[in-house]
Amino acid sequence: MMELQAAIKERKSIRGFLDKPVPKEVLNEILEISVRAPSTKNAQPWHFYVVADEPLEQLKKANVNRLISPEAPPGEMAHILIEPEKGTVYRDRQVDIGIRLFKLMEIGREDKDKRLEWVKRGFRYFDAPAAIILVGDKSLPVEGAYLDAGLVIQNICLAAVDFGLGTCIENQGITYSDVLRDIVQIPDDKRLLAAIAIGYPDDDFPANKVISHREKVEDVVTWCGI
């Protein structure tokens, strides 16, 4: 078993996967470990839809078709995408990772075709063999739902590393909620929270070489009385 500290340090976003299915037993074990996450007042406000094989292929195709359709309305989940204000350090970090990814993928600034293909990958769950859709009950406060979702998502990503798997947390996979709800049969009383692409990493895929920078601890910590 991998030590926790090593898993935390080795975890990174994987955007290219091998064409190799993940056994249901492995995915189930990851989730059994992950639901030990803390939750607000022990509400455990999460439910998981694990999608693979033909349903996932249908979902990938439907998402891309909606993306490129000129008549398609914007996805209802678009409001949850993080878009920092220009001129802030948060925006700078976002731009930095984008530049590094595009450089490795040889996507030029003016290459609209390659840029579109890259966007499509996100809506195809980065061609992963499985995707985990995390939902919460709409009867619960949204703030608590997202807090607890973040905790269980972190557990999923760390546990996946221990099984030799890679993950990428993404919002593209839940953007077109009507498509997702129809194919996966998610009821309307469930709030879509996040999607996680999961599978065996393709070590030869250029974008998988990117490791995002982290700020020095002394730059993000204020000590009081210690």
Protein backbone atom coordinates (compact mmCIF):
# COMPACT_ATOMS: atom_id res chain seq x y z
CA MET A 1 0.00 0.00 0.00
CA MET A 2 1.24 3.48 -0.85
CA GLU A 3 1.82 5.85 2.04
CA LEU A 4 -0.64 8.73 2.28
CA GLN A 5 2.02 11.42 1.91
CA ALA A 6 3.32 9.82 -1.27
CA ALA A 7 -0.20 9.58 -2.73
CA ILE A 8 -0.84 13.25 -1.99
CA LYS A 9 2.41 14.29 -3.66
CA GLU A 10 2.01 12.00 -6.67
CA ARG A 11 -1.63 12.80 -7.44
CA LYS A 12 -2.10 14.98 -10.50
CA SER A 13 -4.74 15.55 -13.14
CA ILE A 14 -4.65 12.87 -15.83
CA ARG A 15 -5.98 13.88 -19.25
CA GLY A 16 -5.03 10.82 -21.30
CA PHE A 17 -5.90 7.22 -20.43
CA LEU A 18 -5.09 3.74 -21.67
CA ASP A 19 -7.81 1.83 -23.50
CA LYS A 20 -8.10 -0.54 -20.56
CA PRO A 21 -11.26 -1.02 -18.48
CA VAL A 22 -11.18 -0.57 -14.73
CA PRO A 23 -12.68 -3.58 -12.93
CA LYS A 24 -15.92 -2.87 -11.11
CA GLU A 25 -14.42 -4.40 -7.96
CA VAL A 26 -11.61 -1.84 -7.98
CA LEU A 27 -13.97 1.09 -8.46
CA ASN A 28 -16.20 -0.23 -5.68
CA GLU A 29 -13.25 -0.59 -3.30
CA ILE A 30 -12.15 2.98 -4.05
CA LEU A 31 -15.61 4.26 -3.21
CA GLU A 32 -15.80 2.16 -0.04
CA ILE A 33 -12.58 3.79 1.13
CA SER A 34 -13.60 7.26 -0.02
CA VAL A 35 -16.95 7.49 1.76
CA ARG A 36 -15.01 7.62 5.03
CA ALA A 37 -14.58 11.30 4.22
CA PRO A 38 -15.73 13.84 6.80
CA SER A 39 -19.16 15.31 6.20
CA THR A 40 -21.14 18.14 7.75
CA LYS A 41 -23.02 16.79 10.78
CA ASN A 42 -22.51 13.32 9.29
CA ALA A 43 -25.06 14.07 6.56
CA GLN A 44 -23.03 12.11 3.97
CA PRO A 45 -24.87 14.03 1.21
CA TRP A 46 -23.32 12.19 -1.71
CA HIS A 47 -24.44 9.67 -4.28
CA PHE A 48 -22.32 8.28 -7.09
CA TYR A 49 -23.19 7.22 -10.61
CA VAL A 50 -20.34 5.15 -12.05
CA VAL A 51 -20.56 5.13 -15.85
CA ALA A 52 -18.59 2.92 -18.24
CA ASP A 53 -18.86 0.89 -21.44
CA GLU A 54 -21.77 1.69 -23.79
CA PRO A 55 -23.55 4.27 -21.58
CA LEU A 56 -20.30 6.22 -21.26
CA GLU A 57 -19.70 6.10 -25.01
CA GLN A 58 -23.23 7.43 -25.56
CA LEU A 59 -22.58 10.19 -23.05
CA LYS A 60 -19.28 11.21 -24.64
CA LYS A 61 -20.87 11.42 -28.09
CA ALA A 62 -23.95 13.30 -26.88
CA ASN A 63 -21.86 15.83 -24.95
CA VAL A 64 -19.68 16.60 -27.97
CA ASN A 65 -22.70 16.87 -30.27
CA ARG A 66 -24.27 19.37 -27.89
CA LEU A 67 -21.00 21.29 -27.61
CA ILE A 68 -20.64 21.84 -31.36
CA SER A 69 -24.32 22.40 -32.07
CA PRO A 70 -24.93 26.07 -32.95
CA GLU A 71 -28.52 25.82 -31.69
CA ALA A 72 -27.63 24.33 -28.33
CA PRO A 73 -28.34 26.46 -25.25
CA PRO A 74 -25.55 26.89 -22.70
CA GLY A 75 -25.33 24.14 -20.13
CA GLU A 76 -27.13 24.77 -16.88
CA MET A 77 -23.98 23.96 -14.90
CA ALA A 78 -21.84 26.60 -16.62
CA HIS A 79 -22.21 28.92 -13.64
CA ILE A 80 -20.07 26.68 -11.43
CA LEU A 81 -16.98 26.97 -13.62
CA ILE A 82 -14.20 28.87 -11.90
CA GLU A 83 -13.19 31.93 -13.89
CA PRO A 84 -10.92 34.19 -11.82
CA GLU A 85 -10.83 37.89 -12.61
CA LYS A 86 -8.15 39.02 -15.04
CA GLY A 87 -5.12 40.61 -13.45
CA THR A 88 -5.29 38.46 -10.32
CA VAL A 89 -2.80 35.83 -9.21
CA TYR A 90 -5.61 33.28 -9.46
CA ARG A 91 -6.06 34.06 -13.13
CA ASP A 92 -2.29 33.94 -13.65
CA ARG A 93 -2.16 30.41 -12.24
CA GLN A 94 -4.98 29.32 -14.50
CA VAL A 95 -3.31 30.78 -17.57
CA ASP A 96 0.03 29.22 -16.63
CA ILE A 97 -1.32 25.68 -16.57
CA GLY A 98 -3.15 26.27 -19.84
CA ILE A 99 0.00 27.50 -21.56
CA ARG A 100 2.00 24.51 -20.35
CA LEU A 101 -0.66 22.04 -21.45
CA PHE A 102 -1.02 23.59 -24.89
CA LYS A 103 2.75 23.67 -25.36
CA LEU A 104 3.06 19.96 -24.62
CA MET A 105 0.07 19.19 -26.86
CA GLU A 106 1.50 21.42 -29.62
CA ILE A 107 -1.64 23.53 -29.76
CA GLY A 108 -0.87 26.97 -31.19
CA ARG A 109 -2.59 30.16 -30.07
CA GLU A 110 -4.33 30.57 -33.43
CA ASP A 111 -4.97 26.87 -34.09
CA LYS A 112 -8.75 26.83 -33.67
CA ASP A 113 -9.13 23.22 -34.81
CA LYS A 114 -6.70 21.82 -32.25
CA ARG A 115 -8.16 24.02 -29.56
CA LEU A 116 -11.64 22.71 -30.30
CA GLU A 117 -10.38 19.13 -30.24
CA TRP A 118 -8.86 19.78 -26.84
CA VAL A 119 -12.15 21.16 -25.53
CA LYS A 120 -13.97 18.11 -26.89
CA ARG A 121 -11.66 15.85 -24.86
CA GLY A 122 -12.98 17.38 -21.67
CA PHE A 123 -16.56 16.71 -22.69
CA ARG A 124 -15.51 13.12 -23.47
CA TYR A 125 -14.16 12.72 -19.93
CA PHE A 126 -10.68 12.81 -21.47
CA ASP A 127 -11.47 9.45 -23.11
CA ALA A 128 -11.31 7.68 -19.76
CA PRO A 129 -12.78 4.17 -19.54
CA ALA A 130 -14.97 5.19 -16.61
CA ALA A 131 -16.46 8.31 -15.07
CA ILE A 132 -17.82 8.94 -11.60
CA ILE A 133 -20.68 11.43 -11.45
CA LEU A 134 -21.15 12.89 -7.99
CA VAL A 135 -24.58 14.21 -7.05
CA GLY A 136 -26.26 15.49 -3.92
CA ASP A 137 -29.86 15.86 -2.83
CA LYS A 138 -31.38 19.26 -3.69
CA SER A 139 -33.10 19.36 -0.29
CA LEU A 140 -29.70 20.01 1.33
CA PRO A 141 -27.98 23.43 1.47
CA VAL A 142 -25.78 23.88 -1.57
CA GLU A 143 -22.81 25.21 0.42
CA GLY A 144 -22.60 22.11 2.58
CA ALA A 145 -23.09 19.84 -0.41
CA TYR A 146 -20.10 21.33 -2.23
CA LEU A 147 -17.92 21.27 0.88
CA ASP A 148 -18.62 17.61 1.52
CA ALA A 149 -18.30 16.81 -2.19
CA GLY A 150 -14.78 18.25 -2.16
CA LEU A 151 -13.82 16.07 0.78
CA VAL A 152 -15.03 12.83 -0.77
CA ILE A 153 -13.58 13.75 -4.18
CA GLN A 154 -10.14 14.20 -2.62
CA ASN A 155 -10.44 10.74 -1.09
CA ILE A 156 -11.40 9.24 -4.45
CA CYS A 157 -8.44 10.81 -6.19
CA LEU A 158 -5.96 9.70 -3.52
CA ALA A 159 -7.35 6.18 -3.30
CA ALA A 160 -7.18 5.90 -7.08
CA VAL A 161 -3.43 6.60 -6.99
CA ASP A 162 -3.02 3.67 -4.60
CA PHE A 163 -4.63 1.39 -7.20
CA GLY A 164 -2.41 2.65 -10.03
CA LEU A 165 -5.21 4.77 -11.48
CA GLY A 166 -5.37 8.40 -12.51
CA THR A 167 -8.20 10.90 -12.22
CA CYS A 168 -9.27 14.28 -13.50
CA ILE A 169 -11.93 16.28 -11.71
CA GLU A 170 -13.99 18.19 -14.25
CA ASN A 171 -17.14 20.22 -14.75
CA GLN A 172 -17.44 19.64 -18.51
CA GLY A 173 -18.86 16.20 -17.81
CA ILE A 174 -21.89 17.63 -16.01
CA THR A 175 -22.37 20.79 -18.08
CA TYR A 176 -25.19 19.44 -20.23
CA SER A 177 -27.35 18.18 -17.43
CA ASP A 178 -30.30 17.14 -19.59
CA VAL A 179 -28.02 14.89 -21.66
CA LEU A 180 -26.47 13.39 -18.54
CA ARG A 181 -29.75 12.90 -16.73
CA ASP A 182 -31.32 11.20 -19.74
CA ILE A 183 -28.52 8.71 -20.43
CA VAL A 184 -27.56 7.93 -16.84
CA GLN A 185 -31.11 8.29 -15.45
CA ILE A 186 -30.31 10.83 -12.75
CA PRO A 187 -33.54 12.18 -11.19
CA ASP A 188 -34.30 15.90 -11.07
CA ASP A 189 -34.19 16.00 -7.27
CA LYS A 190 -30.43 15.36 -7.40
CA ARG A 191 -27.97 18.24 -7.79
CA LEU A 192 -25.06 17.57 -10.13
CA LEU A 193 -21.84 18.38 -8.26
CA ALA A 194 -18.86 17.11 -10.24
CA ALA A 195 -17.53 14.51 -12.64
CA ILE A 196 -14.34 12.51 -12.21
CA ALA A 197 -12.66 10.83 -15.17
CA ILE A 198 -10.88 7.71 -13.92
CA GLY A 199 -8.70 5.08 -15.52
CA TYR A 200 -5.17 3.84 -16.08
CA PRO A 201 -2.89 6.74 -17.06
CA ASP A 202 -1.27 6.79 -20.49
CA ASP A 203 2.28 7.75 -19.56
CA ASP A 204 3.06 8.62 -23.18
CA PHE A 205 0.27 11.20 -23.43
CA PRO A 206 2.01 14.60 -23.44
CA ALA A 207 -0.42 16.46 -21.17
CA ASN A 208 0.06 13.89 -18.43
CA LYS A 209 3.59 15.18 -17.91
CA VAL A 210 2.27 18.44 -16.46
CA ILE A 211 2.49 18.87 -12.71
CA SER A 212 0.86 22.09 -11.59
CA HIS A 213 2.91 24.41 -9.42
CA ARG A 214 2.01 25.09 -5.80
CA GLU A 215 2.79 28.25 -3.90
CA LYS A 216 5.32 28.09 -1.07
CA VAL A 217 3.67 27.50 2.28
CA GLU A 218 5.20 30.68 3.72
CA ASP A 219 3.34 32.66 1.04
CA VAL A 220 -0.09 31.26 1.88
CA VAL A 221 0.04 30.88 5.67
CA THR A 222 -0.36 33.44 8.45
CA TRP A 223 0.81 32.22 11.84
CA CYS A 224 -0.88 33.54 14.98
CA GLY A 225 0.50 32.72 18.43
CA ILE A 226 2.79 29.96 17.27
